[in-house]
Amino acid sequence: MSDVLVLGSTGTTGSRVVRGLEAAGASVRAATRNPVKPGQIRFDWDEPATYGPALDGVSAVYLIAPVAADPQPLVEEFLSHSPDARVVLLSSSSVDEHTPVVGGLPGLVRRQPGWAVLRPSWFMQNFTAGHLVGDSARAGRIVTATGDARVAFVDAGDIAAVAVRALLDPQPHSTDHLITGPRALSYHEAAEIVGKRLGRPVVHAPVPTLEYQRFLVRDGLPESYAEMLALLDEAIRGGAEDRVTDTVERVAGRPARDFRTFAKEEIR
């Protein structure tokens, strides 16, 4: 098999996809803006000249779209360099074709001869340090626009395990994979679990959608991206994420990780 290109190879899911592919014996091309290790190749969404060399000769791609006001033209140009590659897109369970900014990306990927769209619920790793929710938890207050609705938070390692199978299985999956953890929790329940691990109270502070959008902009996100995330929280408030699937066990062959197990092992 030719190389598998992994975008976002140093990130939350990409780094785990790289490790999973290597463990399966695949030849991995790890894309990064600053390659310093063997097997890494330079790639930058802001520099289209890096697209062709990164894709040259690859058979499959783990695709994470850029955080941009309009990522679709960039992704479309990127895919034009490798029309025959199998592409596995990291999307979201909350995204459909009407979602601002990223709603059109799955349609681009479905044009490829082999494809899969990963639609995970919200990451458990968002509660670790260095992420907005995680840093807010350490300050004692998690802000969302989700109200008291529930989310089946999913572990990044489980997402990566499904991605590896979608990239390597002999037959392309050519489907959307809705990926969740084994049970749904409200942010209030998640905050209590995280607080116990941190040894101090953590509360969930629900706010209106527009206020949450402004909160995200103050944190440095582009206006359009903040609007999209705020609308996703609004969808959660309406019950969109209160669901559990068996995708991890069915595709990766092992049970999905529980939030309490994640907290015990990763919350510091």
C-alpha atoms as a PDB file:
ATOM      1  CA  MET A   1       0.000   0.000   0.000  1.00  0.00           C
ATOM      2  CA  SER A   2       1.188   3.530  -0.754  1.00  0.00           C
ATOM      3  CA  ASP A   3       1.620   6.143   1.939  1.00  0.00           C
ATOM      4  CA  VAL A   4      -1.299   7.379   4.024  1.00  0.00           C
ATOM      5  CA  LEU A   5      -1.215  11.153   4.478  1.00  0.00           C
ATOM      6  CA  VAL A   6      -2.381  12.401   7.875  1.00  0.00           C
ATOM      7  CA  LEU A   7      -3.255  16.074   8.187  1.00  0.00           C
ATOM      8  CA  GLY A   8      -3.137  17.586  11.645  1.00  0.00           C
ATOM      9  CA  SER A   9      -0.625  14.883  12.513  1.00  0.00           C
ATOM     10  CA  THR A  10       0.448  16.517  15.773  1.00  0.00           C
ATOM     11  CA  GLY A  11      -3.112  17.293  16.914  1.00  0.00           C
ATOM     12  CA  THR A  12      -5.655  15.568  19.117  1.00  0.00           C
ATOM     13  CA  THR A  13      -6.940  12.982  16.650  1.00  0.00           C
ATOM     14  CA  GLY A  14      -4.201  13.163  14.002  1.00  0.00           C
ATOM     15  CA  SER A  15      -1.422  12.126  16.379  1.00  0.00           C
ATOM     16  CA  ARG A  16      -3.488   9.124  17.456  1.00  0.00           C
ATOM     17  CA  VAL A  17      -4.261   8.232  13.833  1.00  0.00           C
ATOM     18  CA  VAL A  18      -0.517   8.279  13.070  1.00  0.00           C
ATOM     19  CA  ARG A  19       0.201   5.919  15.966  1.00  0.00           C
ATOM     20  CA  GLY A  20      -2.651   3.616  14.981  1.00  0.00           C
ATOM     21  CA  LEU A  21      -1.533   3.437  11.354  1.00  0.00           C
ATOM     22  CA  GLU A  22       2.056   2.735  12.365  1.00  0.00           C
ATOM     23  CA  ALA A  23       0.911   0.004  14.755  1.00  0.00           C
ATOM     24  CA  ALA A  24      -0.981  -1.562  11.834  1.00  0.00           C
ATOM     25  CA  GLY A  25       2.181  -1.517   9.701  1.00  0.00           C
ATOM     26  CA  ALA A  26       1.096   1.247   7.326  1.00  0.00           C
ATOM     27  CA  SER A  27       3.507   3.708   5.741  1.00  0.00           C
ATOM     28  CA  VAL A  28       2.569   7.090   7.157  1.00  0.00           C
ATOM     29  CA  ARG A  29       3.233  10.571   5.818  1.00  0.00           C
ATOM     30  CA  ALA A  30       2.619  12.955   8.711  1.00  0.00           C
ATOM     31  CA  ALA A  31       1.761  16.475   7.537  1.00  0.00           C
ATOM     32  CA  THR A  32       2.829  19.416   9.666  1.00  0.00           C
ATOM     33  CA  ARG A  33       3.834  23.044   9.190  1.00  0.00           C
ATOM     34  CA  ASN A  34       7.192  22.378  10.835  1.00  0.00           C
ATOM     35  CA  PRO A  35       8.507  18.895  10.011  1.00  0.00           C
ATOM     36  CA  VAL A  36      11.349  17.868  12.295  1.00  0.00           C
ATOM     37  CA  LYS A  37      11.048  14.062  12.465  1.00  0.00           C
ATOM     38  CA  PRO A  38      11.435  11.253   9.921  1.00  0.00           C
ATOM     39  CA  GLY A  39       8.136  10.552   8.187  1.00  0.00           C
ATOM     40  CA  GLN A  40       6.907  14.136   8.477  1.00  0.00           C
ATOM     41  CA  ILE A  41       6.261  16.350   5.460  1.00  0.00           C
ATOM     42  CA  ARG A  42       5.647  20.068   5.304  1.00  0.00           C
ATOM     43  CA  PHE A  43       2.041  21.131   4.764  1.00  0.00           C
ATOM     44  CA  ASP A  44       0.304  24.446   5.339  1.00  0.00           C
ATOM     45  CA  TRP A  45      -3.283  25.237   4.350  1.00  0.00           C
ATOM     46  CA  ASP A  46      -2.204  28.838   3.780  1.00  0.00           C
ATOM     47  CA  GLU A  47       0.385  27.736   1.204  1.00  0.00           C
ATOM     48  CA  PRO A  48      -1.269  25.836  -1.678  1.00  0.00           C
ATOM     49  CA  ALA A  49       2.182  25.060  -3.098  1.00  0.00           C
ATOM     50  CA  THR A  50       2.532  22.477  -0.310  1.00  0.00           C
ATOM     51  CA  TYR A  51      -0.591  20.544  -1.359  1.00  0.00           C
ATOM     52  CA  GLY A  52       0.813  18.679  -4.361  1.00  0.00           C
ATOM     53  CA  PRO A  53       4.065  17.445  -2.753  1.00  0.00           C
ATOM     54  CA  ALA A  54       2.188  16.259   0.344  1.00  0.00           C
ATOM     55  CA  LEU A  55      -0.306  14.287  -1.769  1.00  0.00           C
ATOM     56  CA  ASP A  56       2.101  12.926  -4.374  1.00  0.00           C
ATOM     57  CA  GLY A  57       1.773   9.146  -4.477  1.00  0.00           C
ATOM     58  CA  VAL A  58      -0.519   8.725  -1.465  1.00  0.00           C
ATOM     59  CA  SER A  59      -3.354   6.209  -1.496  1.00  0.00           C
ATOM     60  CA  ALA A  60      -5.391   7.598   1.399  1.00  0.00           C
ATOM     61  CA  VAL A  61      -5.774  10.831   3.358  1.00  0.00           C
ATOM     62  CA  TYR A  62      -6.954  11.651   6.861  1.00  0.00           C
ATOM     63  CA  LEU A  63      -8.415  15.090   6.263  1.00  0.00           C
ATOM     64  CA  ILE A  64      -8.866  17.773   8.888  1.00  0.00           C
ATOM     65  CA  ALA A  65     -10.133  20.984   7.306  1.00  0.00           C
ATOM     66  CA  PRO A  66      -8.545  24.326   8.140  1.00  0.00           C
ATOM     67  CA  VAL A  67     -10.075  26.665  10.687  1.00  0.00           C
ATOM     68  CA  ALA A  68     -10.982  29.436   8.253  1.00  0.00           C
ATOM     69  CA  ALA A  69     -13.849  31.757   7.421  1.00  0.00           C
ATOM     70  CA  ASP A  70     -14.462  29.702   4.247  1.00  0.00           C
ATOM     71  CA  PRO A  71     -12.496  26.413   4.158  1.00  0.00           C
ATOM     72  CA  GLN A  72     -14.353  24.901   1.200  1.00  0.00           C
ATOM     73  CA  PRO A  73     -12.251  26.433  -1.642  1.00  0.00           C
ATOM     74  CA  LEU A  74      -9.044  25.343   0.114  1.00  0.00           C
ATOM     75  CA  VAL A  75     -10.271  21.776   0.578  1.00  0.00           C
ATOM     76  CA  GLU A  76     -11.557  21.630  -3.001  1.00  0.00           C
ATOM     77  CA  GLU A  77      -8.182  22.712  -4.357  1.00  0.00           C
ATOM     78  CA  PHE A  78      -6.410  20.268  -2.063  1.00  0.00           C
ATOM     79  CA  LEU A  79      -8.504  17.312  -3.262  1.00  0.00           C
ATOM     80  CA  SER A  80      -7.929  18.261  -6.905  1.00  0.00           C
ATOM     81  CA  HIS A  81      -4.294  17.194  -6.474  1.00  0.00           C
ATOM     82  CA  SER A  82      -5.283  13.609  -5.648  1.00  0.00           C
ATOM     83  CA  PRO A  83      -8.595  12.671  -7.275  1.00  0.00           C
ATOM     84  CA  ASP A  84      -8.065   8.912  -6.828  1.00  0.00           C
ATOM     85  CA  ALA A  85      -7.120   8.879  -3.138  1.00  0.00           C
ATOM     86  CA  ARG A  86      -9.377   7.473  -0.450  1.00  0.00           C
ATOM     87  CA  VAL A  87     -10.299  10.351   1.875  1.00  0.00           C
ATOM     88  CA  VAL A  88     -11.469  10.110   5.470  1.00  0.00           C
ATOM     89  CA  LEU A  89     -12.814  13.450   6.684  1.00  0.00           C
ATOM     90  CA  LEU A  90     -13.038  14.444  10.325  1.00  0.00           C
ATOM     91  CA  SER A  91     -16.374  16.235  10.566  1.00  0.00           C
ATOM     92  CA  SER A  92     -18.806  16.422  13.498  1.00  0.00           C
ATOM     93  CA  SER A  93     -22.027  14.776  14.603  1.00  0.00           C
ATOM     94  CA  SER A  94     -23.592  18.245  14.707  1.00  0.00           C
ATOM     95  CA  VAL A  95     -22.716  19.162  11.118  1.00  0.00           C
ATOM     96  CA  ASP A  96     -25.101  18.824   8.202  1.00  0.00           C
ATOM     97  CA  GLU A  97     -25.193  20.418   4.755  1.00  0.00           C
ATOM     98  CA  HIS A  98     -26.847  23.551   6.182  1.00  0.00           C
ATOM     99  CA  THR A  99     -24.191  24.180   8.842  1.00  0.00           C
ATOM    100  CA  PRO A 100     -22.344  27.465   8.228  1.00  0.00           C
ATOM    101  CA  VAL A 101     -18.646  27.314   7.253  1.00  0.00           C
ATOM    102  CA  VAL A 102     -18.143  23.526   7.190  1.00  0.00           C
ATOM    103  CA  GLY A 103     -21.459  22.116   5.958  1.00  0.00           C
ATOM    104  CA  GLY A 104     -20.264  21.672   2.361  1.00  0.00           C
ATOM    105  CA  LEU A 105     -17.107  19.696   3.156  1.00  0.00           C
ATOM    106  CA  PRO A 106     -18.619  16.188   3.372  1.00  0.00           C
ATOM    107  CA  GLY A 107     -20.083  16.657  -0.102  1.00  0.00           C
ATOM    108  CA  LEU A 108     -16.612  17.352  -1.506  1.00  0.00           C
ATOM    109  CA  VAL A 109     -15.208  14.195   0.067  1.00  0.00           C
ATOM    110  CA  ARG A 110     -18.062  12.023  -1.204  1.00  0.00           C
ATOM    111  CA  ARG A 111     -16.885  12.740  -4.761  1.00  0.00           C
ATOM    112  CA  GLN A 112     -13.756  10.665  -4.114  1.00  0.00           C
ATOM    113  CA  PRO A 113     -13.776   7.021  -5.300  1.00  0.00           C
ATOM    114  CA  GLY A 114     -13.340   5.867  -1.688  1.00  0.00           C
ATOM    115  CA  TRP A 115     -14.357   7.933   1.317  1.00  0.00           C
ATOM    116  CA  ALA A 116     -15.664   8.082   4.849  1.00  0.00           C
ATOM    117  CA  VAL A 117     -16.993  10.986   6.883  1.00  0.00           C
ATOM    118  CA  LEU A 118     -16.325  10.697  10.609  1.00  0.00           C
ATOM    119  CA  ARG A 119     -19.034  12.432  12.614  1.00  0.00           C
ATOM    120  CA  PRO A 120     -17.898  12.238  16.231  1.00  0.00           C
ATOM    121  CA  SER A 121     -19.706  13.782  19.123  1.00  0.00           C
ATOM    122  CA  TRP A 122     -17.829  16.306  21.257  1.00  0.00           C
ATOM    123  CA  PHE A 123     -14.371  15.235  22.389  1.00  0.00           C
ATOM    124  CA  MET A 124     -13.627  14.122  25.940  1.00  0.00           C
ATOM    125  CA  GLN A 125     -10.199  15.682  25.446  1.00  0.00           C
ATOM    126  CA  ASN A 126     -11.822  19.124  25.372  1.00  0.00           C
ATOM    127  CA  PHE A 127     -11.818  18.815  29.170  1.00  0.00           C
ATOM    128  CA  THR A 128      -8.005  18.563  29.367  1.00  0.00           C
ATOM    129  CA  ALA A 129      -5.695  21.510  29.977  1.00  0.00           C
ATOM    130  CA  GLY A 130      -4.910  23.635  26.933  1.00  0.00           C
ATOM    131  CA  HIS A 131      -8.459  23.519  25.558  1.00  0.00           C
ATOM    132  CA  LEU A 132     -11.071  26.209  26.159  1.00  0.00           C
ATOM    133  CA  VAL A 133     -13.420  23.931  28.126  1.00  0.00           C
ATOM    134  CA  GLY A 134     -10.549  22.346  30.023  1.00  0.00           C
ATOM    135  CA  ASP A 135      -8.969  25.654  30.967  1.00  0.00           C
ATOM    136  CA  SER A 136     -12.377  27.008  31.979  1.00  0.00           C
ATOM    137  CA  ALA A 137     -12.890  23.937  34.176  1.00  0.00           C
ATOM    138  CA  ARG A 138      -9.603  24.601  35.907  1.00  0.00           C
ATOM    139  CA  ALA A 139     -10.812  28.128  36.575  1.00  0.00           C
ATOM    140  CA  GLY A 140     -13.950  26.599  38.113  1.00  0.00           C
ATOM    141  CA  ARG A 141     -16.565  27.568  35.479  1.00  0.00           C
ATOM    142  CA  ILE A 142     -17.445  25.938  32.145  1.00  0.00           C
ATOM    143  CA  VAL A 143     -19.462  28.209  29.849  1.00  0.00           C
ATOM    144  CA  THR A 144     -21.669  26.742  27.088  1.00  0.00           C
ATOM    145  CA  ALA A 145     -24.971  27.458  25.364  1.00  0.00           C
ATOM    146  CA  THR A 146     -26.173  23.864  25.818  1.00  0.00           C
ATOM    147  CA  GLY A 147     -28.501  24.346  28.784  1.00  0.00           C
ATOM    148  CA  ASP A 148     -29.066  21.058  30.615  1.00  0.00           C
ATOM    149  CA  ALA A 149     -28.998  18.907  27.467  1.00  0.00           C
ATOM    150  CA  ARG A 150     -26.840  15.799  27.243  1.00  0.00           C
ATOM    151  CA  VAL A 151     -23.878  14.890  25.019  1.00  0.00           C
ATOM    152  CA  ALA A 152     -22.340  11.446  24.435  1.00  0.00           C
ATOM    153  CA  PHE A 153     -18.751  12.711  24.716  1.00  0.00           C
ATOM    154  CA  VAL A 154     -16.296  10.561  22.744  1.00  0.00           C
ATOM    155  CA  ASP A 155     -12.637   9.777  23.297  1.00  0.00           C
ATOM    156  CA  ALA A 156     -10.178  10.926  20.613  1.00  0.00           C
ATOM    157  CA  GLY A 157      -8.546   7.511  20.685  1.00  0.00           C
ATOM    158  CA  ASP A 158     -11.844   5.909  19.695  1.00  0.00           C
ATOM    159  CA  ILE A 159     -12.246   8.361  16.816  1.00  0.00           C
ATOM    160  CA  ALA A 160      -8.733   7.520  15.646  1.00  0.00           C
ATOM    161  CA  ALA A 161      -9.420   3.776  15.864  1.00  0.00           C
ATOM    162  CA  VAL A 162     -12.416   4.166  13.530  1.00  0.00           C
ATOM    163  CA  ALA A 163     -10.337   6.390  11.218  1.00  0.00           C
ATOM    164  CA  VAL A 164      -7.575   3.792  10.948  1.00  0.00           C
ATOM    165  CA  ARG A 165     -10.037   1.138   9.851  1.00  0.00           C
ATOM    166  CA  ALA A 166     -11.640   3.536   7.341  1.00  0.00           C
ATOM    167  CA  LEU A 167      -8.192   4.311   5.901  1.00  0.00           C
ATOM    168  CA  LEU A 168      -6.860   0.741   5.772  1.00  0.00           C
ATOM    169  CA  ASP A 169      -9.743  -1.700   5.327  1.00  0.00           C
ATOM    170  CA  PRO A 170      -9.595  -3.376   1.895  1.00  0.00           C
ATOM    171  CA  GLN A 171     -12.987  -1.983   0.908  1.00  0.00           C
ATOM    172  CA  PRO A 172     -13.626   1.732   1.392  1.00  0.00           C
ATOM    173  CA  HIS A 173     -16.363   2.365   3.922  1.00  0.00           C
ATOM    174  CA  SER A 174     -18.092   4.980   1.733  1.00  0.00           C
ATOM    175  CA  THR A 175     -20.396   6.000   4.540  1.00  0.00           C
ATOM    176  CA  ASP A 176     -20.799   8.447   7.405  1.00  0.00           C
ATOM    177  CA  HIS A 177     -19.730   7.114  10.807  1.00  0.00           C
ATOM    178  CA  LEU A 178     -21.598   8.655  13.729  1.00  0.00           C
ATOM    179  CA  ILE A 179     -19.199   8.156  16.644  1.00  0.00           C
ATOM    180  CA  THR A 180     -20.151   8.590  20.300  1.00  0.00           C
ATOM    181  CA  GLY A 181     -19.098   7.501  23.734  1.00  0.00           C
ATOM    182  CA  PRO A 182     -21.046   4.809  25.602  1.00  0.00           C
ATOM    183  CA  ARG A 183     -23.343   7.205  27.509  1.00  0.00           C
ATOM    184  CA  ALA A 184     -24.649  10.755  27.318  1.00  0.00           C
ATOM    185  CA  LEU A 185     -23.930  13.333  30.029  1.00  0.00           C
ATOM    186  CA  SER A 186     -24.940  16.935  30.594  1.00  0.00           C
ATOM    187  CA  TYR A 187     -22.154  19.488  30.993  1.00  0.00           C
ATOM    188  CA  HIS A 188     -23.299  19.769  34.606  1.00  0.00           C
ATOM    189  CA  GLU A 189     -22.634  16.056  35.139  1.00  0.00           C
ATOM    190  CA  ALA A 190     -19.328  16.242  33.276  1.00  0.00           C
ATOM    191  CA  ALA A 191     -18.267  19.269  35.343  1.00  0.00           C
ATOM    192  CA  GLU A 192     -18.954  17.341  38.562  1.00  0.00           C
ATOM    193  CA  ILE A 193     -16.816  14.409  37.393  1.00  0.00           C
ATOM    194  CA  VAL A 194     -13.984  16.698  36.310  1.00  0.00           C
ATOM    195  CA  GLY A 195     -14.209  18.680  39.547  1.00  0.00           C
ATOM    196  CA  LYS A 196     -13.804  15.533  41.619  1.00  0.00           C
ATOM    197  CA  ARG A 197     -10.664  14.645  39.671  1.00  0.00           C
ATOM    198  CA  LEU A 198      -9.278  18.176  40.087  1.00  0.00           C
ATOM    199  CA  GLY A 199     -10.179  18.225  43.761  1.00  0.00           C
ATOM    200  CA  ARG A 200     -12.161  21.456  43.579  1.00  0.00           C
ATOM    201  CA  PRO A 201     -15.650  22.545  42.520  1.00  0.00           C
ATOM    202  CA  VAL A 202     -16.343  23.033  38.819  1.00  0.00           C
ATOM    203  CA  VAL A 203     -19.705  24.420  37.735  1.00  0.00           C
ATOM    204  CA  HIS A 204     -21.455  24.629  34.388  1.00  0.00           C
ATOM    205  CA  ALA A 205     -22.681  28.124  33.499  1.00  0.00           C
ATOM    206  CA  PRO A 206     -25.194  27.951  30.633  1.00  0.00           C
ATOM    207  CA  VAL A 207     -25.640  31.178  28.655  1.00  0.00           C
ATOM    208  CA  PRO A 208     -27.722  32.249  25.625  1.00  0.00           C
ATOM    209  CA  THR A 209     -26.374  31.427  22.168  1.00  0.00           C
ATOM    210  CA  LEU A 210     -25.377  34.969  21.230  1.00  0.00           C
ATOM    211  CA  GLU A 211     -23.597  35.513  24.541  1.00  0.00           C
ATOM    212  CA  TYR A 212     -21.655  32.303  23.982  1.00  0.00           C
ATOM    213  CA  GLN A 213     -20.693  33.444  20.486  1.00  0.00           C
ATOM    214  CA  ARG A 214     -19.294  36.670  21.941  1.00  0.00           C
ATOM    215  CA  PHE A 215     -17.462  34.639  24.591  1.00  0.00           C
ATOM    216  CA  LEU A 216     -15.741  32.614  21.842  1.00  0.00           C
ATOM    217  CA  VAL A 217     -14.801  35.739  19.869  1.00  0.00           C
ATOM    218  CA  ARG A 218     -13.227  37.203  23.002  1.00  0.00           C
ATOM    219  CA  ASP A 219     -11.230  33.994  23.268  1.00  0.00           C
ATOM    220  CA  GLY A 220      -9.789  34.682  19.813  1.00  0.00           C
ATOM    221  CA  LEU A 221     -11.937  32.698  17.375  1.00  0.00           C
ATOM    222  CA  PRO A 222     -12.965  34.229  14.028  1.00  0.00           C
ATOM    223  CA  GLU A 223     -16.502  35.627  14.081  1.00  0.00           C
ATOM    224  CA  SER A 224     -17.880  33.132  11.543  1.00  0.00           C
ATOM    225  CA  TYR A 225     -16.310  30.157  13.326  1.00  0.00           C
ATOM    226  CA  ALA A 226     -17.583  31.368  16.705  1.00  0.00           C
ATOM    227  CA  GLU A 227     -21.074  31.701  15.224  1.00  0.00           C
ATOM    228  CA  MET A 228     -20.913  28.131  13.915  1.00  0.00           C
ATOM    229  CA  LEU A 229     -19.825  26.735  17.308  1.00  0.00           C
ATOM    230  CA  ALA A 230     -22.509  28.715  19.114  1.00  0.00           C
ATOM    231  CA  LEU A 231     -25.172  27.355  16.751  1.00  0.00           C
ATOM    232  CA  LEU A 232     -23.887  23.825  17.377  1.00  0.00           C
ATOM    233  CA  ASP A 233     -24.356  24.406  21.108  1.00  0.00           C
ATOM    234  CA  GLU A 234     -27.872  25.605  20.363  1.00  0.00           C
ATOM    235  CA  ALA A 235     -28.523  22.335  18.532  1.00  0.00           C
ATOM    236  CA  ILE A 236     -27.221  20.402  21.536  1.00  0.00           C
ATOM    237  CA  ARG A 237     -29.649  22.353  23.726  1.00  0.00           C
ATOM    238  CA  GLY A 238     -32.400  21.064  21.453  1.00  0.00           C
ATOM    239  CA  GLY A 239     -31.338  17.440  22.039  1.00  0.00           C
ATOM    240  CA  ALA A 240     -29.272  16.821  18.903  1.00  0.00           C
ATOM    241  CA  GLU A 241     -26.436  15.061  20.769  1.00  0.00           C
ATOM    242  CA  ASP A 242     -28.461  13.006  23.241  1.00  0.00           C
ATOM    243  CA  ARG A 243     -27.777   9.716  21.465  1.00  0.00           C
ATOM    244  CA  VAL A 244     -25.418   6.764  21.714  1.00  0.00           C
ATOM    245  CA  THR A 245     -24.113   4.597  18.855  1.00  0.00           C
ATOM    246  CA  ASP A 246     -22.175   1.323  18.669  1.00  0.00           C
ATOM    247  CA  THR A 247     -19.834   2.567  15.915  1.00  0.00           C
ATOM    248  CA  VAL A 248     -16.592   2.222  17.891  1.00  0.00           C
ATOM    249  CA  GLU A 249     -17.255  -1.391  18.847  1.00  0.00           C
ATOM    250  CA  ARG A 250     -18.659  -2.313  15.435  1.00  0.00           C
ATOM    251  CA  VAL A 251     -15.877  -0.745  13.352  1.00  0.00           C
ATOM    252  CA  ALA A 252     -12.839  -0.828  15.659  1.00  0.00           C
ATOM    253  CA  GLY A 253     -13.719  -4.041  17.469  1.00  0.00           C
ATOM    254  CA  ARG A 254     -13.527  -2.729  21.045  1.00  0.00           C
ATOM    255  CA  PRO A 255     -15.829  -0.915  23.470  1.00  0.00           C
ATOM    256  CA  ALA A 256     -15.894   2.875  23.480  1.00  0.00           C
ATOM    257  CA  ARG A 257     -14.150   4.556  26.427  1.00  0.00           C
ATOM    258  CA  ASP A 258     -16.355   5.855  29.237  1.00  0.00           C
ATOM    259  CA  PHE A 259     -16.090   9.477  30.436  1.00  0.00           C
ATOM    260  CA  ARG A 260     -15.299   8.451  34.012  1.00  0.00           C
ATOM    261  CA  THR A 261     -12.447   6.276  32.786  1.00  0.00           C
ATOM    262  CA  PHE A 262     -11.155   9.129  30.674  1.00  0.00           C
ATOM    263  CA  ALA A 263     -11.328  11.526  33.627  1.00  0.00           C
ATOM    264  CA  LYS A 264      -9.530   9.097  35.915  1.00  0.00           C
ATOM    265  CA  GLU A 265      -6.710   8.585  33.424  1.00  0.00           C
ATOM    266  CA  GLU A 266      -6.322  11.999  31.785  1.00  0.00           C
ATOM    267  CA  ILE A 267      -7.647  14.797  34.005  1.00  0.00           C
ATOM    268  CA  ARG A 268      -4.791  16.378  35.960  1.00  0.00           C
END
